[in-house]
PDB file of N, CA and C in Angstrom:
ATOM      1  N   MET A   1     110.911  37.300  87.365  1.00  0.00           N
ATOM      2  CA  MET A   1     112.431  37.330  87.370  1.00  0.00           C
ATOM      3  C   MET A   1     112.996  36.232  88.271  1.00  0.00           C
ATOM      4  N   VAL A   2     113.963  35.544  87.793  1.00  0.00           N
ATOM      5  CA  VAL A   2     114.620  34.575  88.502  1.00  0.00           C
ATOM      6  C   VAL A   2     115.578  35.011  89.460  1.00  0.00           C
ATOM      7  N   LYS A   3     115.474  34.618  90.744  1.00  0.00           N
ATOM      8  CA  LYS A   3     116.388  35.059  91.718  1.00  0.00           C
ATOM      9  C   LYS A   3     117.648  34.321  91.546  1.00  0.00           C
ATOM     10  N   LYS A   4     118.776  35.085  91.580  1.00  0.00           N
ATOM     11  CA  LYS A   4     120.085  34.536  91.397  1.00  0.00           C
ATOM     12  C   LYS A   4     120.704  33.962  92.762  1.00  0.00           C
ATOM     13  N   GLY A   5     121.272  32.805  92.567  1.00  0.00           N
ATOM     14  CA  GLY A   5     121.855  32.132  93.815  1.00  0.00           C
ATOM     15  C   GLY A   5     123.273  32.263  93.727  1.00  0.00           C
ATOM     16  N   PRO A   6     124.005  31.231  94.370  1.00  0.00           N
ATOM     17  CA  PRO A   6     125.387  31.285  94.393  1.00  0.00           C
ATOM     18  C   PRO A   6     126.084  30.859  93.243  1.00  0.00           C
ATOM     19  N   LYS A   7     127.367  31.125  93.093  1.00  0.00           N
ATOM     20  CA  LYS A   7     128.226  30.660  92.061  1.00  0.00           C
ATOM     21  C   LYS A   7     128.493  29.164  92.288  1.00  0.00           C
ATOM     22  N   ILE A   8     128.863  28.377  91.266  1.00  0.00           N
ATOM     23  CA  ILE A   8     129.175  27.035  91.452  1.00  0.00           C
ATOM     24  C   ILE A   8     130.282  26.808  92.447  1.00  0.00           C
ATOM     25  N   LYS A   9     131.417  27.658  92.280  1.00  0.00           N
ATOM     26  CA  LYS A   9     132.609  27.464  93.226  1.00  0.00           C
ATOM     27  C   LYS A   9     132.167  27.820  94.654  1.00  0.00           C
ATOM     28  N   GLU A  10     131.217  28.781  94.851  1.00  0.00           N
ATOM     29  CA  GLU A  10     130.698  29.081  96.240  1.00  0.00           C
ATOM     30  C   GLU A  10     129.968  28.000  96.800  1.00  0.00           C
ATOM     31  N   LEU A  11     129.032  27.402  96.083  1.00  0.00           N
ATOM     32  CA  LEU A  11     128.266  26.243  96.551  1.00  0.00           C
ATOM     33  C   LEU A  11     129.123  25.043  96.714  1.00  0.00           C
ATOM     34  N   ALA A  12     130.102  24.812  95.890  1.00  0.00           N
ATOM     35  CA  ALA A  12     131.061  23.672  96.008  1.00  0.00           C
ATOM     36  C   ALA A  12     131.740  23.736  97.368  1.00  0.00           C
ATOM     37  N   GLN A  13     132.196  24.933  97.709  1.00  0.00           N
ATOM     38  CA  GLN A  13     132.981  25.147  98.963  1.00  0.00           C
ATOM     39  C   GLN A  13     131.978  24.929 100.090  1.00  0.00           C
ATOM     40  N   GLU A  14     130.777  25.356 100.137  1.00  0.00           N
ATOM     41  CA  GLU A  14     129.719  25.213 101.122  1.00  0.00           C
ATOM     42  C   GLU A  14     129.553  23.686 101.400  1.00  0.00           C
ATOM     43  N   LEU A  15     129.522  22.919 100.273  1.00  0.00           N
ATOM     44  CA  LEU A  15     129.130  21.562 100.390  1.00  0.00           C
ATOM     45  C   LEU A  15     130.370  20.583 100.502  1.00  0.00           C
ATOM     46  N   GLY A  16     131.581  21.159 100.546  1.00  0.00           N
ATOM     47  CA  GLY A  16     132.740  20.355 100.757  1.00  0.00           C
ATOM     48  C   GLY A  16     133.128  19.533  99.504  1.00  0.00           C
ATOM     49  N   LEU A  17     132.755  20.126  98.430  1.00  0.00           N
ATOM     50  CA  LEU A  17     133.138  19.423  97.035  1.00  0.00           C
ATOM     51  C   LEU A  17     134.097  20.423  96.252  1.00  0.00           C
ATOM     52  N   THR A  18     134.735  19.770  95.222  1.00  0.00           N
ATOM     53  CA  THR A  18     135.381  20.602  94.366  1.00  0.00           C
ATOM     54  C   THR A  18     134.438  21.162  93.308  1.00  0.00           C
ATOM     55  N   SER A  19     134.900  22.179  92.606  1.00  0.00           N
ATOM     56  CA  SER A  19     134.038  22.764  91.612  1.00  0.00           C
ATOM     57  C   SER A  19     133.675  21.703  90.631  1.00  0.00           C
ATOM     58  N   ARG A  20     134.611  20.900  90.262  1.00  0.00           N
ATOM     59  CA  ARG A  20     134.551  19.935  89.186  1.00  0.00           C
ATOM     60  C   ARG A  20     133.536  18.817  89.584  1.00  0.00           C
ATOM     61  N   GLN A  21     133.623  18.410  90.878  1.00  0.00           N
ATOM     62  CA  GLN A  21     132.573  17.447  91.352  1.00  0.00           C
ATOM     63  C   GLN A  21     131.087  18.097  91.319  1.00  0.00           C
ATOM     64  N   LEU A  22     131.034  19.347  91.750  1.00  0.00           N
ATOM     65  CA  LEU A  22     129.618  19.917  91.696  1.00  0.00           C
ATOM     66  C   LEU A  22     129.170  20.102  90.333  1.00  0.00           C
ATOM     67  N   ILE A  23     130.053  20.493  89.336  1.00  0.00           N
ATOM     68  CA  ILE A  23     129.603  20.515  87.969  1.00  0.00           C
ATOM     69  C   ILE A  23     129.161  19.232  87.409  1.00  0.00           C
ATOM     70  N   ASP A  24     129.816  18.229  87.795  1.00  0.00           N
ATOM     71  CA  ASP A  24     129.418  16.819  87.480  1.00  0.00           C
ATOM     72  C   ASP A  24     128.020  16.513  87.955  1.00  0.00           C
ATOM     73  N   ARG A  25     127.773  16.867  89.350  1.00  0.00           N
ATOM     74  CA  ARG A  25     126.582  16.604  89.850  1.00  0.00           C
ATOM     75  C   ARG A  25     125.424  17.410  89.211  1.00  0.00           C
ATOM     76  N   CYS A  26     125.759  18.650  88.746  1.00  0.00           N
ATOM     77  CA  CYS A  26     124.806  19.504  88.043  1.00  0.00           C
ATOM     78  C   CYS A  26     124.413  18.783  86.759  1.00  0.00           C
ATOM     79  N   ARG A  27     125.386  18.283  85.974  1.00  0.00           N
ATOM     80  CA  ARG A  27     125.139  17.654  84.656  1.00  0.00           C
ATOM     81  C   ARG A  27     124.276  16.391  84.989  1.00  0.00           C
ATOM     82  N   GLU A  28     124.593  15.669  85.932  1.00  0.00           N
ATOM     83  CA  GLU A  28     123.783  14.402  86.296  1.00  0.00           C
ATOM     84  C   GLU A  28     122.300  14.670  86.489  1.00  0.00           C
ATOM     85  N   ALA A  29     122.150  15.964  87.328  1.00  0.00           N
ATOM     86  CA  ALA A  29     120.782  16.334  87.637  1.00  0.00           C
ATOM     87  C   ALA A  29     120.070  17.126  86.515  1.00  0.00           C
ATOM     88  N   GLY A  30     120.832  17.287  85.391  1.00  0.00           N
ATOM     89  CA  GLY A  30     120.226  18.073  84.277  1.00  0.00           C
ATOM     90  C   GLY A  30     120.230  19.544  84.388  1.00  0.00           C
ATOM     91  N   ILE A  31     121.014  20.130  85.275  1.00  0.00           N
ATOM     92  CA  ILE A  31     121.203  21.527  85.500  1.00  0.00           C
ATOM     93  C   ILE A  31     122.312  22.038  84.585  1.00  0.00           C
ATOM     94  N   PRO A  32     122.025  22.915  83.722  1.00  0.00           N
ATOM     95  CA  PRO A  32     123.003  23.445  82.724  1.00  0.00           C
ATOM     96  C   PRO A  32     123.970  24.342  83.415  1.00  0.00           C
ATOM     97  N   VAL A  33     125.244  24.080  83.314  1.00  0.00           N
ATOM     98  CA  VAL A  33     126.386  24.992  83.799  1.00  0.00           C
ATOM     99  C   VAL A  33     127.452  25.066  82.799  1.00  0.00           C
ATOM    100  N   GLN A  34     128.113  26.130  82.769  1.00  0.00           N
ATOM    101  CA  GLN A  34     129.214  26.301  81.903  1.00  0.00           C
ATOM    102  C   GLN A  34     130.539  26.146  82.622  1.00  0.00           C
ATOM    103  N   ASN A  35     130.799  26.692  83.764  1.00  0.00           N
ATOM    104  CA  ASN A  35     132.033  26.569  84.442  1.00  0.00           C
ATOM    105  C   ASN A  35     131.938  26.963  85.853  1.00  0.00           C
ATOM    106  N   SER A  36     132.901  26.971  86.793  1.00  0.00           N
ATOM    107  CA  SER A  36     132.785  27.237  88.110  1.00  0.00           C
ATOM    108  C   SER A  36     132.361  28.638  88.446  1.00  0.00           C
ATOM    109  N   ALA A  37     132.405  29.519  87.530  1.00  0.00           N
ATOM    110  CA  ALA A  37     131.970  30.848  87.797  1.00  0.00           C
ATOM    111  C   ALA A  37     130.446  31.085  87.412  1.00  0.00           C
ATOM    112  N   SER A  38     129.907  30.017  86.821  1.00  0.00           N
ATOM    113  CA  SER A  38     128.510  30.092  86.572  1.00  0.00           C
ATOM    114  C   SER A  38     127.625  30.321  87.859  1.00  0.00           C
ATOM    115  N   ARG A  39     126.577  31.024  87.730  1.00  0.00           N
ATOM    116  CA  ARG A  39     125.640  31.219  88.854  1.00  0.00           C
ATOM    117  C   ARG A  39     124.453  30.468  88.603  1.00  0.00           C
ATOM    118  N   LEU A  40     124.110  29.776  89.775  1.00  0.00           N
ATOM    119  CA  LEU A  40     122.819  28.997  89.800  1.00  0.00           C
ATOM    120  C   LEU A  40     121.639  29.758  90.198  1.00  0.00           C
ATOM    121  N   ASP A  41     120.418  29.470  89.900  1.00  0.00           N
ATOM    122  CA  ASP A  41     119.241  30.106  90.456  1.00  0.00           C
ATOM    123  C   ASP A  41     119.112  29.436  91.816  1.00  0.00           C
ATOM    124  N   ARG A  42     118.321  30.116  92.654  1.00  0.00           N
ATOM    125  CA  ARG A  42     118.135  29.547  93.977  1.00  0.00           C
ATOM    126  C   ARG A  42     117.425  28.164  94.054  1.00  0.00           C
ATOM    127  N   ALA A  43     116.599  27.895  93.141  1.00  0.00           N
ATOM    128  CA  ALA A  43     115.921  26.534  93.099  1.00  0.00           C
ATOM    129  C   ALA A  43     116.850  25.546  92.838  1.00  0.00           C
ATOM    130  N   SER A  44     117.749  25.766  91.875  1.00  0.00           N
ATOM    131  CA  SER A  44     118.813  24.785  91.577  1.00  0.00           C
ATOM    132  C   SER A  44     119.860  24.572  92.644  1.00  0.00           C
ATOM    133  N   ALA A  45     120.123  25.542  93.220  1.00  0.00           N
ATOM    134  CA  ALA A  45     121.117  25.448  94.406  1.00  0.00           C
ATOM    135  C   ALA A  45     120.515  24.668  95.530  1.00  0.00           C
ATOM    136  N   GLU A  46     119.256  24.881  95.825  1.00  0.00           N
ATOM    137  CA  GLU A  46     118.675  24.037  96.825  1.00  0.00           C
ATOM    138  C   GLU A  46     118.559  22.601  96.463  1.00  0.00           C
ATOM    139  N   ARG A  47     118.200  22.393  95.187  1.00  0.00           N
ATOM    140  CA  ARG A  47     118.087  21.014  94.685  1.00  0.00           C
ATOM    141  C   ARG A  47     119.399  20.311  94.811  1.00  0.00           C
ATOM    142  N   LEU A  48     120.537  21.014  94.434  1.00  0.00           N
ATOM    143  CA  LEU A  48     121.857  20.432  94.621  1.00  0.00           C
ATOM    144  C   LEU A  48     122.152  20.105  96.076  1.00  0.00           C
ATOM    145  N   ARG A  49     121.715  21.111  96.962  1.00  0.00           N
ATOM    146  CA  ARG A  49     122.027  20.883  98.333  1.00  0.00           C
ATOM    147  C   ARG A  49     121.358  19.606  98.978  1.00  0.00           C
ATOM    148  N   THR A  50     120.056  19.425  98.437  1.00  0.00           N
ATOM    149  CA  THR A  50     119.379  18.178  98.848  1.00  0.00           C
ATOM    150  C   THR A  50     119.952  16.923  98.327  1.00  0.00           C
ATOM    151  N   LEU A  51     120.383  17.037  97.034  1.00  0.00           N
ATOM    152  CA  LEU A  51     121.087  15.750  96.444  1.00  0.00           C
ATOM    153  C   LEU A  51     122.324  15.434  97.101  1.00  0.00           C
ATOM    154  N   VAL A  52     123.102  16.385  97.395  1.00  0.00           N
ATOM    155  CA  VAL A  52     124.447  16.099  98.020  1.00  0.00           C
ATOM    156  C   VAL A  52     124.243  15.711  99.479  1.00  0.00           C
ATOM    157  N   ALA A  53     123.279  16.158 100.201  1.00  0.00           N
ATOM    158  CA  ALA A  53     123.007  15.754 101.598  1.00  0.00           C
ATOM    159  C   ALA A  53     122.398  14.365 101.501  1.00  0.00           C
ATOM    160  N   GLY A  54     121.552  14.011 100.584  1.00  0.00           N
ATOM    161  CA  GLY A  54     121.000  12.769 100.448  1.00  0.00           C
ATOM    162  C   GLY A  54     122.146  11.643 100.097  1.00  0.00           C
ATOM    163  N   ALA A  55     123.011  11.999  99.258  1.00  0.00           N
ATOM    164  CA  ALA A  55     124.113  11.142  98.998  1.00  0.00           C
ATOM    165  C   ALA A  55     125.004  10.931 100.181  1.00  0.00           C
ATOM    166  N   ALA A  56     125.323  12.012 100.938  1.00  0.00           N
ATOM    167  CA  ALA A  56     126.097  11.745 102.128  1.00  0.00           C
ATOM    168  C   ALA A  56     125.409  10.936 103.207  1.00  0.00           C
ATOM    169  N   LEU A  57     124.130  11.121 103.259  1.00  0.00           N
ATOM    170  CA  LEU A  57     123.294  10.313 104.185  1.00  0.00           C
ATOM    171  C   LEU A  57     123.294   8.891 103.797  1.00  0.00           C
ATOM    172  N   SER A  58     123.213   8.583 102.401  1.00  0.00           N
ATOM    173  CA  SER A  58     123.257   7.266 101.957  1.00  0.00           C
ATOM    174  C   SER A  58     124.651   6.600 102.218  1.00  0.00           C
ATOM    175  N   ASP A  59     125.674   7.309 101.961  1.00  0.00           N
ATOM    176  CA  ASP A  59     126.998   6.924 102.172  1.00  0.00           C
ATOM    177  C   ASP A  59     127.248   6.455 103.638  1.00  0.00           C
ATOM    178  N   ALA A  60     126.812   7.317 104.583  1.00  0.00           N
ATOM    179  CA  ALA A  60     126.812   7.057 106.076  1.00  0.00           C
ATOM    180  C   ALA A  60     126.040   5.821 106.398  1.00  0.00           C
ATOM    181  N   THR A  61     124.933   5.677 105.825  1.00  0.00           N
ATOM    182  CA  THR A  61     124.070   4.476 106.163  1.00  0.00           C
ATOM    183  C   THR A  61     124.738   3.280 105.596  1.00  0.00           C
ATOM    184  N   ASN A  62     125.258   3.357 104.516  1.00  0.00           N
ATOM    185  CA  ASN A  62     125.991   2.096 103.913  1.00  0.00           C
ATOM    186  C   ASN A  62     127.275   1.699 104.741  1.00  0.00           C
ATOM    187  N   LEU A  63     127.959   2.724 105.294  1.00  0.00           N
ATOM    188  CA  LEU A  63     129.134   2.377 106.098  1.00  0.00           C
ATOM    189  C   LEU A  63     128.693   1.778 107.398  1.00  0.00           C
ATOM    190  N   SER A  64     127.678   2.218 107.968  1.00  0.00           N
ATOM    191  CA  SER A  64     127.313   1.676 109.296  1.00  0.00           C
ATOM    192  C   SER A  64     126.622   0.281 109.101  1.00  0.00           C
ATOM    193  N   GLU A  65     126.052  -0.033 107.858  1.00  0.00           N
ATOM    194  CA  GLU A  65     125.542  -1.373 107.652  1.00  0.00           C
ATOM    195  C   GLU A  65     126.739  -2.336 107.479  1.00  0.00           C
ATOM    196  N   ASP A  66     127.860  -1.800 106.903  1.00  0.00           N
ATOM    197  CA  ASP A  66     129.110  -2.660 106.700  1.00  0.00           C
ATOM    198  C   ASP A  66     129.677  -3.010 108.033  1.00  0.00           C
ATOM    199  N   ASP A  67     129.489  -2.189 109.032  1.00  0.00           N
ATOM    200  CA  ASP A  67     130.267  -2.475 110.315  1.00  0.00           C
ATOM    201  C   ASP A  67     129.501  -3.445 111.126  1.00  0.00           C
ATOM    202  N   GLU A  68     128.262  -3.823 110.808  1.00  0.00           N
ATOM    203  CA  GLU A  68     127.483  -4.781 111.586  1.00  0.00           C
ATOM    204  C   GLU A  68     128.126  -6.113 111.504  1.00  0.00           C
ATOM    205  N   PRO A  69     128.087  -6.915 112.587  1.00  0.00           N
ATOM    206  CA  PRO A  69     128.579  -8.259 112.519  1.00  0.00           C
ATOM    207  C   PRO A  69     127.696  -9.212 111.797  1.00  0.00           C
ATOM    208  N   SER A  70     128.239 -10.172 111.241  1.00  0.00           N
ATOM    209  CA  SER A  70     127.385 -11.184 110.430  1.00  0.00           C
ATOM    210  C   SER A  70     126.837 -12.206 111.271  1.00  0.00           C
TER     211      SER A  70
END
């Protein structure tokens, strides 16, 4: 039995994204969702948390590299 995780809208709020942004991330990652009320399984939710955290870390790294003097 697959353990049910959060709804898209709940996870989006946790990650500081809109439901639409998270749905787009799901589709990019190949995770099928219908709408913001769709429920993710726990593995997919963890995968999305990792992807979003990785993207945020990458953005922060790029910003700090841009701040360095030439």
